[in-house]
Amino acid sequence: MRGGVIGVAQMGPIAKSESRPQVVKRLIEMLKEAKGRNCRFLVFPELALTTFFPRWVYQLGDPELEAFFEAEMPGPETKPLFETAAELGIGFYLGYAEKTKGKHYNTAILTDGTGKIIGKYRKVHLPGHVEPDPSRKGEHLEKRYFDIGNLGFPVYEALEGRVGMAICNDRRWPETYRVMGLQGAELITLGYNTPVGLGEPFQAEALANFHNSLTMQAGAYHNACWVAAAAKCGNEEGFEMIGQSMIIAPTGEVVAQCSSLEDEVISARCDFDQAQYFKREIFNFARHRRPEAYGLITERVGAGDPLPPIESF
């Protein structure tokens, strides 16, 4: 079977004081549980090695800030994760903070069952702000600490199919899924850290989980692919983050979902061939798409005036 049993490794809070080796030990324990579920692949969250540090205000270059970033992957402290995954024969998606050549990225990687890195993605849709806003209950400063991803939305050969990646806020944008769908993606993997209660007047906390599932279920269905998404969640350093990590079928149905706000592994049998009817009929891009009518998607960044009609009535 192309694809196979895919797992999602949700993480509970990571304390600011928690060391890399301590976090890696947690990840390894979930790898072992995934092996017990016969998983071929496991999805870890966004920024899976650290607390969600964009909630605090740092000056750029501050050593405390720089300590959240990885200069190499794997490094000495993360190598045991790769070694264990290779021993178990499990590939994985891992989100982390990356620094390279003067740039800082919110990054994710794919590995195969031997621990080899086979793909990389850097987050494109950075949420939040550059400068702190004292009127808010909490900060979200990703635009301050990360550069915009420069790798696009690549799709890689894995699990006898095509696998893509996204990170957190990317999941809210339909273009994310469609660009990978146009490359034949059969599985989209992503991790997220989604805080609530930061002071947005129209982002009711009660809607956070609904919007989370809504965007991913729509992306899966509209592009006839599986979506496997892992949260870091719970009360982390006094800030609440949503859970509900899930695996979604190409039909748009949630086939597995976490029920806690702690470290938890879920899994599902993800047959890539299940998507073929939808790719062949309902969302047959080659037969049905009309890109000549979609020009504004790439021509404009923000909303503007309506275009004149192509021809008068």
C-alpha atoms as a PDB file:
ATOM      1  CA  MET A   1       0.000   0.000   0.000  1.00  0.00           C
ATOM      2  CA  ARG A   2       1.277   3.448  -0.853  1.00  0.00           C
ATOM      3  CA  GLY A   3       1.285   5.590   2.257  1.00  0.00           C
ATOM      4  CA  GLY A   4       0.625   3.322   5.224  1.00  0.00           C
ATOM      5  CA  VAL A   5       0.010   3.948   8.898  1.00  0.00           C
ATOM      6  CA  ILE A   6       0.799   7.592   9.650  1.00  0.00           C
ATOM      7  CA  GLY A   7       1.087   8.957  13.189  1.00  0.00           C
ATOM      8  CA  VAL A   8       0.743  12.393  14.736  1.00  0.00           C
ATOM      9  CA  ALA A   9       2.682  13.201  17.918  1.00  0.00           C
ATOM     10  CA  GLN A  10       0.948  15.991  19.786  1.00  0.00           C
ATOM     11  CA  MET A  11       3.000  17.672  22.502  1.00  0.00           C
ATOM     12  CA  GLY A  12       1.891  19.209  25.736  1.00  0.00           C
ATOM     13  CA  PRO A  13       3.573  22.395  26.987  1.00  0.00           C
ATOM     14  CA  ILE A  14       7.332  22.882  26.859  1.00  0.00           C
ATOM     15  CA  ALA A  15       8.587  25.000  29.737  1.00  0.00           C
ATOM     16  CA  LYS A  16      11.079  27.761  29.032  1.00  0.00           C
ATOM     17  CA  SER A  17      13.490  26.019  31.407  1.00  0.00           C
ATOM     18  CA  GLU A  18      13.178  22.621  29.698  1.00  0.00           C
ATOM     19  CA  SER A  19      16.448  21.592  28.049  1.00  0.00           C
ATOM     20  CA  ARG A  20      16.884  20.187  24.526  1.00  0.00           C
ATOM     21  CA  PRO A  21      17.833  16.736  25.845  1.00  0.00           C
ATOM     22  CA  GLN A  22      14.685  16.692  27.988  1.00  0.00           C
ATOM     23  CA  VAL A  23      12.497  17.596  25.007  1.00  0.00           C
ATOM     24  CA  VAL A  24      14.238  15.126  22.710  1.00  0.00           C
ATOM     25  CA  LYS A  25      13.586  12.394  25.282  1.00  0.00           C
ATOM     26  CA  ARG A  26       9.857  13.171  25.054  1.00  0.00           C
ATOM     27  CA  LEU A  27       9.990  12.968  21.262  1.00  0.00           C
ATOM     28  CA  ILE A  28      11.806   9.637  21.417  1.00  0.00           C
ATOM     29  CA  GLU A  29       9.161   8.188  23.727  1.00  0.00           C
ATOM     30  CA  MET A  30       6.480   9.124  21.196  1.00  0.00           C
ATOM     31  CA  LEU A  31       8.542   7.580  18.387  1.00  0.00           C
ATOM     32  CA  LYS A  32       8.561   4.327  20.344  1.00  0.00           C
ATOM     33  CA  GLU A  33       4.804   4.489  20.840  1.00  0.00           C
ATOM     34  CA  ALA A  34       4.380   5.144  17.116  1.00  0.00           C
ATOM     35  CA  LYS A  35       6.437   2.037  16.388  1.00  0.00           C
ATOM     36  CA  GLY A  36       4.058   0.075  18.568  1.00  0.00           C
ATOM     37  CA  ARG A  37       1.236   1.326  16.353  1.00  0.00           C
ATOM     38  CA  ASN A  38       3.118   0.156  13.225  1.00  0.00           C
ATOM     39  CA  CYS A  39       3.575   3.726  11.996  1.00  0.00           C
ATOM     40  CA  ARG A  40       5.848   4.334   9.025  1.00  0.00           C
ATOM     41  CA  PHE A  41       5.907   8.090   9.585  1.00  0.00           C
ATOM     42  CA  LEU A  42       5.298  10.465  12.513  1.00  0.00           C
ATOM     43  CA  VAL A  43       4.439  14.178  12.505  1.00  0.00           C
ATOM     44  CA  PHE A  44       5.800  16.343  15.339  1.00  0.00           C
ATOM     45  CA  PRO A  45       4.645  19.949  15.973  1.00  0.00           C
ATOM     46  CA  GLU A  46       5.952  23.334  14.911  1.00  0.00           C
ATOM     47  CA  LEU A  47       8.869  24.526  17.115  1.00  0.00           C
ATOM     48  CA  ALA A  48       8.885  21.080  18.696  1.00  0.00           C
ATOM     49  CA  LEU A  49      12.220  21.579  20.473  1.00  0.00           C
ATOM     50  CA  THR A  50      11.431  24.751  22.434  1.00  0.00           C
ATOM     51  CA  THR A  51       8.740  26.705  24.156  1.00  0.00           C
ATOM     52  CA  PHE A  52       6.847  29.114  21.855  1.00  0.00           C
ATOM     53  CA  PHE A  53       9.305  31.971  22.328  1.00  0.00           C
ATOM     54  CA  PRO A  54       7.606  34.586  20.034  1.00  0.00           C
ATOM     55  CA  ARG A  55       5.375  35.407  23.008  1.00  0.00           C
ATOM     56  CA  TRP A  56       8.277  37.340  24.588  1.00  0.00           C
ATOM     57  CA  VAL A  57      10.006  40.556  23.542  1.00  0.00           C
ATOM     58  CA  TYR A  58      13.717  40.219  22.796  1.00  0.00           C
ATOM     59  CA  GLN A  59      16.200  42.451  21.060  1.00  0.00           C
ATOM     60  CA  LEU A  60      17.498  40.812  17.907  1.00  0.00           C
ATOM     61  CA  GLY A  61      20.798  39.112  18.601  1.00  0.00           C
ATOM     62  CA  ASP A  62      20.046  38.584  22.291  1.00  0.00           C
ATOM     63  CA  PRO A  63      21.882  35.368  23.340  1.00  0.00           C
ATOM     64  CA  GLU A  64      18.756  34.098  25.085  1.00  0.00           C
ATOM     65  CA  LEU A  65      16.813  34.481  21.835  1.00  0.00           C
ATOM     66  CA  GLU A  66      19.556  32.895  19.731  1.00  0.00           C
ATOM     67  CA  ALA A  67      19.588  29.859  22.035  1.00  0.00           C
ATOM     68  CA  PHE A  68      16.150  28.871  20.744  1.00  0.00           C
ATOM     69  CA  PHE A  69      17.551  28.384  17.207  1.00  0.00           C
ATOM     70  CA  GLU A  70      19.363  25.400  15.702  1.00  0.00           C
ATOM     71  CA  ALA A  71      22.484  26.079  13.634  1.00  0.00           C
ATOM     72  CA  GLU A  72      22.588  22.493  12.370  1.00  0.00           C
ATOM     73  CA  MET A  73      20.167  19.608  12.061  1.00  0.00           C
ATOM     74  CA  PRO A  74      20.798  17.172  13.473  1.00  0.00           C
ATOM     75  CA  GLY A  75      23.074  18.690  16.077  1.00  0.00           C
ATOM     76  CA  PRO A  76      24.651  16.996  19.091  1.00  0.00           C
ATOM     77  CA  GLU A  77      21.483  17.342  21.192  1.00  0.00           C
ATOM     78  CA  THR A  78      19.033  16.265  18.479  1.00  0.00           C
ATOM     79  CA  LYS A  79      21.096  13.426  17.003  1.00  0.00           C
ATOM     80  CA  PRO A  80      19.577  10.818  19.381  1.00  0.00           C
ATOM     81  CA  LEU A  81      16.150  11.482  17.830  1.00  0.00           C
ATOM     82  CA  PHE A  82      17.471  10.691  14.349  1.00  0.00           C
ATOM     83  CA  GLU A  83      19.331   7.625  15.582  1.00  0.00           C
ATOM     84  CA  THR A  84      16.247   6.243  17.322  1.00  0.00           C
ATOM     85  CA  ALA A  85      14.061   6.898  14.294  1.00  0.00           C
ATOM     86  CA  ALA A  86      16.555   5.021  12.109  1.00  0.00           C
ATOM     87  CA  GLU A  87      16.606   2.080  14.525  1.00  0.00           C
ATOM     88  CA  LEU A  88      12.796   1.963  14.469  1.00  0.00           C
ATOM     89  CA  GLY A  89      12.539   2.551  10.726  1.00  0.00           C
ATOM     90  CA  ILE A  90      10.222   5.558  11.096  1.00  0.00           C
ATOM     91  CA  GLY A  91      10.417   8.771   9.079  1.00  0.00           C
ATOM     92  CA  PHE A  92       9.253  12.019  10.638  1.00  0.00           C
ATOM     93  CA  TYR A  93       8.304  15.682  10.215  1.00  0.00           C
ATOM     94  CA  LEU A  94       9.952  17.998  12.741  1.00  0.00           C
ATOM     95  CA  GLY A  95       9.401  21.724  13.210  1.00  0.00           C
ATOM     96  CA  TYR A  96      12.150  23.869  14.735  1.00  0.00           C
ATOM     97  CA  ALA A  97      13.736  27.340  14.732  1.00  0.00           C
ATOM     98  CA  GLU A  98      16.615  27.493  12.228  1.00  0.00           C
ATOM     99  CA  LYS A  99      19.426  30.006  11.852  1.00  0.00           C
ATOM    100  CA  THR A 100      21.696  30.073   8.827  1.00  0.00           C
ATOM    101  CA  LYS A 101      23.843  32.689   7.065  1.00  0.00           C
ATOM    102  CA  GLY A 102      22.413  35.589   9.036  1.00  0.00           C
ATOM    103  CA  LYS A 103      18.814  34.473   8.499  1.00  0.00           C
ATOM    104  CA  HIS A 104      16.307  33.001  10.936  1.00  0.00           C
ATOM    105  CA  TYR A 105      13.474  30.743   9.819  1.00  0.00           C
ATOM    106  CA  ASN A 106      10.554  28.819  11.246  1.00  0.00           C
ATOM    107  CA  THR A 107      11.471  25.518   9.597  1.00  0.00           C
ATOM    108  CA  ALA A 108      10.318  21.934   9.173  1.00  0.00           C
ATOM    109  CA  ILE A 109      12.091  18.893   7.776  1.00  0.00           C
ATOM    110  CA  LEU A 110      11.097  15.472   6.457  1.00  0.00           C
ATOM    111  CA  THR A 111      13.196  12.375   7.085  1.00  0.00           C
ATOM    112  CA  ASP A 112      12.952   8.889   5.645  1.00  0.00           C
ATOM    113  CA  GLY A 113      13.048   5.652   7.617  1.00  0.00           C
ATOM    114  CA  THR A 114      16.847   5.754   7.845  1.00  0.00           C
ATOM    115  CA  GLY A 115      17.063   9.119   9.611  1.00  0.00           C
ATOM    116  CA  LYS A 116      18.156  10.906   6.425  1.00  0.00           C
ATOM    117  CA  ILE A 117      16.733  14.394   5.804  1.00  0.00           C
ATOM    118  CA  ILE A 118      14.895  14.278   2.466  1.00  0.00           C
ATOM    119  CA  GLY A 119      13.055  17.607   2.512  1.00  0.00           C
ATOM    120  CA  LYS A 120      12.944  21.061   4.071  1.00  0.00           C
ATOM    121  CA  TYR A 121      10.322  23.811   4.268  1.00  0.00           C
ATOM    122  CA  ARG A 122      10.495  27.320   5.721  1.00  0.00           C
ATOM    123  CA  LYS A 123       7.288  29.009   6.888  1.00  0.00           C
ATOM    124  CA  VAL A 124       5.848  31.477   4.390  1.00  0.00           C
ATOM    125  CA  HIS A 125       2.779  32.957   6.111  1.00  0.00           C
ATOM    126  CA  LEU A 126       4.249  34.550   9.235  1.00  0.00           C
ATOM    127  CA  PRO A 127       1.527  35.852  11.591  1.00  0.00           C
ATOM    128  CA  GLY A 128       1.706  38.467  14.307  1.00  0.00           C
ATOM    129  CA  HIS A 129       3.743  41.657  14.480  1.00  0.00           C
ATOM    130  CA  VAL A 130       7.262  43.082  14.384  1.00  0.00           C
ATOM    131  CA  GLU A 131       6.829  45.472  17.307  1.00  0.00           C
ATOM    132  CA  PRO A 132       5.143  44.703  20.642  1.00  0.00           C
ATOM    133  CA  ASP A 133       1.637  46.011  21.238  1.00  0.00           C
ATOM    134  CA  PRO A 134       1.006  46.942  24.898  1.00  0.00           C
ATOM    135  CA  SER A 135      -2.770  46.992  24.306  1.00  0.00           C
ATOM    136  CA  ARG A 136      -2.793  43.217  23.800  1.00  0.00           C
ATOM    137  CA  LYS A 137      -2.965  40.574  26.516  1.00  0.00           C
ATOM    138  CA  GLY A 138      -0.061  38.739  24.942  1.00  0.00           C
ATOM    139  CA  GLU A 139       2.427  39.085  22.111  1.00  0.00           C
ATOM    140  CA  HIS A 140       2.841  37.128  18.906  1.00  0.00           C
ATOM    141  CA  LEU A 141       6.113  38.339  17.385  1.00  0.00           C
ATOM    142  CA  GLU A 142       6.906  35.854  14.621  1.00  0.00           C
ATOM    143  CA  LYS A 143       7.418  38.685  12.134  1.00  0.00           C
ATOM    144  CA  ARG A 144      10.088  40.054  14.469  1.00  0.00           C
ATOM    145  CA  TYR A 145      12.114  36.870  14.836  1.00  0.00           C
ATOM    146  CA  PHE A 146      11.685  34.978  11.554  1.00  0.00           C
ATOM    147  CA  ASP A 147      12.470  35.736   7.925  1.00  0.00           C
ATOM    148  CA  ILE A 148       9.852  34.806   5.321  1.00  0.00           C
ATOM    149  CA  GLY A 149      10.467  31.316   3.984  1.00  0.00           C
ATOM    150  CA  ASN A 150      12.392  31.189   0.716  1.00  0.00           C
ATOM    151  CA  LEU A 151      11.796  27.602  -0.416  1.00  0.00           C
ATOM    152  CA  GLY A 152       8.226  27.885  -1.676  1.00  0.00           C
ATOM    153  CA  PHE A 153       5.966  24.885  -1.031  1.00  0.00           C
ATOM    154  CA  PRO A 154       7.994  21.906  -2.287  1.00  0.00           C
ATOM    155  CA  VAL A 155       6.651  18.358  -2.523  1.00  0.00           C
ATOM    156  CA  TYR A 156       8.951  15.381  -1.985  1.00  0.00           C
ATOM    157  CA  GLU A 157       8.907  11.719  -2.962  1.00  0.00           C
ATOM    158  CA  ALA A 158       8.221   9.734   0.219  1.00  0.00           C
ATOM    159  CA  LEU A 159       6.104   6.801   1.393  1.00  0.00           C
ATOM    160  CA  GLU A 160       5.778   5.700  -2.267  1.00  0.00           C
ATOM    161  CA  GLY A 161       3.961   8.948  -2.943  1.00  0.00           C
ATOM    162  CA  ARG A 162       4.275  12.713  -2.755  1.00  0.00           C
ATOM    163  CA  VAL A 163       4.507  14.509   0.578  1.00  0.00           C
ATOM    164  CA  GLY A 164       4.446  18.253   1.268  1.00  0.00           C
ATOM    165  CA  MET A 165       4.863  20.444   4.341  1.00  0.00           C
ATOM    166  CA  ALA A 166       3.324  23.526   5.909  1.00  0.00           C
ATOM    167  CA  ILE A 167       3.618  25.222   9.295  1.00  0.00           C
ATOM    168  CA  CYS A 168       0.878  26.616  11.540  1.00  0.00           C
ATOM    169  CA  ASN A 169      -0.559  29.816   9.994  1.00  0.00           C
ATOM    170  CA  ASP A 170       0.080  28.415   6.510  1.00  0.00           C
ATOM    171  CA  ARG A 171      -2.854  26.067   7.111  1.00  0.00           C
ATOM    172  CA  ARG A 172      -5.284  28.993   7.075  1.00  0.00           C
ATOM    173  CA  TRP A 173      -4.419  29.982   3.497  1.00  0.00           C
ATOM    174  CA  PRO A 174      -5.977  28.001   0.624  1.00  0.00           C
ATOM    175  CA  GLU A 175      -3.007  28.818  -1.623  1.00  0.00           C
ATOM    176  CA  THR A 176      -0.815  26.670   0.638  1.00  0.00           C
ATOM    177  CA  TYR A 177      -2.704  23.492  -0.193  1.00  0.00           C
ATOM    178  CA  ARG A 178      -3.349  24.355  -3.839  1.00  0.00           C
ATOM    179  CA  VAL A 179       0.328  24.933  -4.684  1.00  0.00           C
ATOM    180  CA  MET A 180       1.140  21.504  -3.270  1.00  0.00           C
ATOM    181  CA  GLY A 181      -1.977  20.010  -4.841  1.00  0.00           C
ATOM    182  CA  LEU A 182      -0.761  21.197  -8.237  1.00  0.00           C
ATOM    183  CA  GLN A 183       2.386  19.148  -7.605  1.00  0.00           C
ATOM    184  CA  GLY A 184       0.328  16.037  -6.911  1.00  0.00           C
ATOM    185  CA  ALA A 185       0.678  16.066  -3.107  1.00  0.00           C
ATOM    186  CA  GLU A 186      -0.954  13.031  -1.502  1.00  0.00           C
ATOM    187  CA  LEU A 187      -0.067  13.893   2.098  1.00  0.00           C
ATOM    188  CA  ILE A 188       0.435  17.349   3.604  1.00  0.00           C
ATOM    189  CA  THR A 189       2.181  17.343   6.985  1.00  0.00           C
ATOM    190  CA  LEU A 190       2.133  20.300   9.339  1.00  0.00           C
ATOM    191  CA  GLY A 191       2.698  21.360  12.921  1.00  0.00           C
ATOM    192  CA  TYR A 192       1.231  24.260  14.832  1.00  0.00           C
ATOM    193  CA  ASN A 193       1.447  26.307  18.048  1.00  0.00           C
ATOM    194  CA  THR A 194      -1.805  28.275  18.187  1.00  0.00           C
ATOM    195  CA  PRO A 195      -2.300  30.542  21.221  1.00  0.00           C
ATOM    196  CA  VAL A 196      -5.699  31.914  22.205  1.00  0.00           C
ATOM    197  CA  GLY A 197      -6.756  34.809  24.371  1.00  0.00           C
ATOM    198  CA  LEU A 198      -4.142  37.304  23.179  1.00  0.00           C
ATOM    199  CA  GLY A 199      -6.695  40.092  22.826  1.00  0.00           C
ATOM    200  CA  GLU A 200      -8.022  39.828  19.280  1.00  0.00           C
ATOM    201  CA  PRO A 201     -11.584  41.246  19.580  1.00  0.00           C
ATOM    202  CA  PHE A 202     -13.149  39.060  16.872  1.00  0.00           C
ATOM    203  CA  GLN A 203     -11.056  35.900  17.318  1.00  0.00           C
ATOM    204  CA  ALA A 204     -13.224  34.309  19.976  1.00  0.00           C
ATOM    205  CA  GLU A 205     -11.481  31.525  21.833  1.00  0.00           C
ATOM    206  CA  ALA A 206     -14.521  29.340  21.282  1.00  0.00           C
ATOM    207  CA  LEU A 207     -13.887  29.475  17.514  1.00  0.00           C
ATOM    208  CA  ALA A 208     -10.192  28.574  17.586  1.00  0.00           C
ATOM    209  CA  ASN A 209     -10.661  24.816  17.324  1.00  0.00           C
ATOM    210  CA  PHE A 210     -13.405  25.207  14.704  1.00  0.00           C
ATOM    211  CA  HIS A 211     -11.191  27.373  12.488  1.00  0.00           C
ATOM    212  CA  ASN A 212      -8.324  24.928  12.961  1.00  0.00           C
ATOM    213  CA  SER A 213     -10.300  21.950  11.648  1.00  0.00           C
ATOM    214  CA  LEU A 214     -12.235  23.977   9.058  1.00  0.00           C
ATOM    215  CA  THR A 215      -9.151  25.120   7.185  1.00  0.00           C
ATOM    216  CA  MET A 216      -7.427  21.743   7.178  1.00  0.00           C
ATOM    217  CA  GLN A 217     -10.517  19.735   6.245  1.00  0.00           C
ATOM    218  CA  ALA A 218     -11.214  22.105   3.365  1.00  0.00           C
ATOM    219  CA  GLY A 219      -7.583  21.937   2.199  1.00  0.00           C
ATOM    220  CA  ALA A 220      -7.631  18.140   2.251  1.00  0.00           C
ATOM    221  CA  TYR A 221     -10.884  17.887   0.301  1.00  0.00           C
ATOM    222  CA  HIS A 222     -10.180  20.645  -2.233  1.00  0.00           C
ATOM    223  CA  ASN A 223      -6.834  19.057  -3.118  1.00  0.00           C
ATOM    224  CA  ALA A 224      -7.748  15.370  -2.679  1.00  0.00           C
ATOM    225  CA  CYS A 225      -4.966  14.644  -0.202  1.00  0.00           C
ATOM    226  CA  TRP A 226      -4.395  13.480   3.350  1.00  0.00           C
ATOM    227  CA  VAL A 227      -3.484  16.056   6.016  1.00  0.00           C
ATOM    228  CA  ALA A 228      -1.655  15.088   9.219  1.00  0.00           C
ATOM    229  CA  ALA A 229      -1.338  17.919  11.749  1.00  0.00           C
ATOM    230  CA  ALA A 230       0.358  18.025  15.160  1.00  0.00           C
ATOM    231  CA  ALA A 231      -0.141  20.668  17.854  1.00  0.00           C
ATOM    232  CA  LYS A 232       1.962  21.834  20.738  1.00  0.00           C
ATOM    233  CA  CYS A 233      -0.760  22.713  23.196  1.00  0.00           C
ATOM    234  CA  GLY A 234      -1.994  23.283  26.718  1.00  0.00           C
ATOM    235  CA  ASN A 235      -1.011  25.963  29.208  1.00  0.00           C
ATOM    236  CA  GLU A 236       2.569  26.853  28.283  1.00  0.00           C
ATOM    237  CA  GLU A 237       4.197  29.494  30.474  1.00  0.00           C
ATOM    238  CA  GLY A 238       0.766  30.909  31.356  1.00  0.00           C
ATOM    239  CA  PHE A 239      -0.542  31.012  27.770  1.00  0.00           C
ATOM    240  CA  GLU A 240      -3.225  28.664  26.447  1.00  0.00           C
ATOM    241  CA  MET A 241      -2.678  26.892  23.109  1.00  0.00           C
ATOM    242  CA  ILE A 242      -5.177  24.727  21.278  1.00  0.00           C
ATOM    243  CA  GLY A 243      -4.820  20.995  20.743  1.00  0.00           C
ATOM    244  CA  GLN A 244      -7.059  18.788  18.571  1.00  0.00           C
ATOM    245  CA  SER A 245      -4.196  17.383  16.518  1.00  0.00           C
ATOM    246  CA  MET A 246      -5.744  15.342  13.727  1.00  0.00           C
ATOM    247  CA  ILE A 247      -5.459  13.225  10.621  1.00  0.00           C
ATOM    248  CA  ILE A 248      -7.839  14.104   7.773  1.00  0.00           C
ATOM    249  CA  ALA A 249      -8.750  11.958   4.782  1.00  0.00           C
ATOM    250  CA  PRO A 250      -9.045  13.217   1.172  1.00  0.00           C
ATOM    251  CA  THR A 251     -12.820  13.151   1.702  1.00  0.00           C
ATOM    252  CA  GLY A 252     -12.389  15.958   4.256  1.00  0.00           C
ATOM    253  CA  GLU A 253     -13.308  13.622   7.124  1.00  0.00           C
ATOM    254  CA  VAL A 254     -11.353  13.610  10.390  1.00  0.00           C
ATOM    255  CA  VAL A 255     -10.279   9.991  10.877  1.00  0.00           C
ATOM    256  CA  ALA A 256      -8.206  10.449  14.066  1.00  0.00           C
ATOM    257  CA  GLN A 257      -8.012  13.239  16.639  1.00  0.00           C
ATOM    258  CA  CYS A 258      -6.267  13.832  19.967  1.00  0.00           C
ATOM    259  CA  SER A 259      -8.472  14.142  23.024  1.00  0.00           C
ATOM    260  CA  SER A 260      -5.998  15.672  25.492  1.00  0.00           C
ATOM    261  CA  LEU A 261      -3.754  18.726  25.804  1.00  0.00           C
ATOM    262  CA  GLU A 262      -0.699  16.587  26.615  1.00  0.00           C
ATOM    263  CA  ASP A 263       1.831  14.398  24.827  1.00  0.00           C
ATOM    264  CA  GLU A 264      -0.376  12.026  22.823  1.00  0.00           C
ATOM    265  CA  VAL A 265       0.089   9.858  19.743  1.00  0.00           C
ATOM    266  CA  ILE A 266      -2.705   9.116  17.272  1.00  0.00           C
ATOM    267  CA  SER A 267      -2.521   7.138  14.042  1.00  0.00           C
ATOM    268  CA  ALA A 268      -4.517   6.173  10.982  1.00  0.00           C
ATOM    269  CA  ARG A 269      -4.150   3.983   7.908  1.00  0.00           C
ATOM    270  CA  CYS A 270      -3.576   6.500   5.116  1.00  0.00           C
ATOM    271  CA  ASP A 271      -3.956   4.834   1.732  1.00  0.00           C
ATOM    272  CA  PHE A 272      -2.748   7.326  -0.863  1.00  0.00           C
ATOM    273  CA  ASP A 273      -4.798   5.595  -3.540  1.00  0.00           C
ATOM    274  CA  GLN A 274      -7.987   6.552  -1.688  1.00  0.00           C
ATOM    275  CA  ALA A 275      -7.609  10.050  -3.143  1.00  0.00           C
ATOM    276  CA  GLN A 276      -7.522   8.944  -6.771  1.00  0.00           C
ATOM    277  CA  TYR A 277     -11.270   9.184  -7.438  1.00  0.00           C
ATOM    278  CA  PHE A 278     -11.279  12.805  -6.274  1.00  0.00           C
ATOM    279  CA  LYS A 279      -8.086  13.617  -8.184  1.00  0.00           C
ATOM    280  CA  ARG A 280      -9.505  11.949 -11.309  1.00  0.00           C
ATOM    281  CA  GLU A 281     -13.054  13.307 -11.200  1.00  0.00           C
ATOM    282  CA  ILE A 282     -14.137  16.105  -8.844  1.00  0.00           C
ATOM    283  CA  PHE A 283     -10.767  17.868  -8.569  1.00  0.00           C
ATOM    284  CA  ASN A 284      -9.209  16.876 -11.877  1.00  0.00           C
ATOM    285  CA  PHE A 285      -7.128  20.044 -12.216  1.00  0.00           C
ATOM    286  CA  ALA A 286      -6.072  19.456 -15.815  1.00  0.00           C
ATOM    287  CA  ARG A 287      -9.682  19.020 -16.914  1.00  0.00           C
ATOM    288  CA  HIS A 288     -11.508  21.605 -14.820  1.00  0.00           C
ATOM    289  CA  ARG A 289      -9.224  24.423 -13.614  1.00  0.00           C
ATOM    290  CA  ARG A 290      -9.390  27.787 -15.403  1.00  0.00           C
ATOM    291  CA  PRO A 291      -6.211  29.660 -14.365  1.00  0.00           C
ATOM    292  CA  GLU A 292      -6.874  32.434 -16.879  1.00  0.00           C
ATOM    293  CA  ALA A 293      -9.714  33.516 -14.572  1.00  0.00           C
ATOM    294  CA  TYR A 294      -7.610  33.474 -11.394  1.00  0.00           C
ATOM    295  CA  GLY A 295      -5.017  36.130 -12.244  1.00  0.00           C
ATOM    296  CA  LEU A 296      -5.718  38.294  -9.192  1.00  0.00           C
ATOM    297  CA  ILE A 297      -4.488  35.542  -6.892  1.00  0.00           C
ATOM    298  CA  THR A 298      -0.886  36.293  -7.851  1.00  0.00           C
ATOM    299  CA  GLU A 299      -1.249  39.826  -9.252  1.00  0.00           C
ATOM    300  CA  ARG A 300      -2.547  41.376  -6.010  1.00  0.00           C
ATOM    301  CA  VAL A 301      -1.393  41.056  -2.423  1.00  0.00           C
ATOM    302  CA  GLY A 302      -4.287  42.965  -0.810  1.00  0.00           C
ATOM    303  CA  ALA A 303      -7.866  43.635  -1.803  1.00  0.00           C
ATOM    304  CA  GLY A 304      -8.514  46.325  -4.415  1.00  0.00           C
ATOM    305  CA  ASP A 305     -11.228  47.707  -6.650  1.00  0.00           C
ATOM    306  CA  PRO A 306     -13.313  45.274  -8.717  1.00  0.00           C
ATOM    307  CA  LEU A 307     -12.046  44.643 -12.214  1.00  0.00           C
ATOM    308  CA  PRO A 308     -14.111  45.821 -15.173  1.00  0.00           C
ATOM    309  CA  PRO A 309     -16.079  43.014 -16.853  1.00  0.00           C
ATOM    310  CA  ILE A 310     -14.329  41.267 -19.720  1.00  0.00           C
ATOM    311  CA  GLU A 311     -17.203  42.144 -22.017  1.00  0.00           C
ATOM    312  CA  SER A 312     -20.371  44.165 -21.588  1.00  0.00           C
ATOM    313  CA  PHE A 313     -23.743  42.525 -21.160  1.00  0.00           C
END
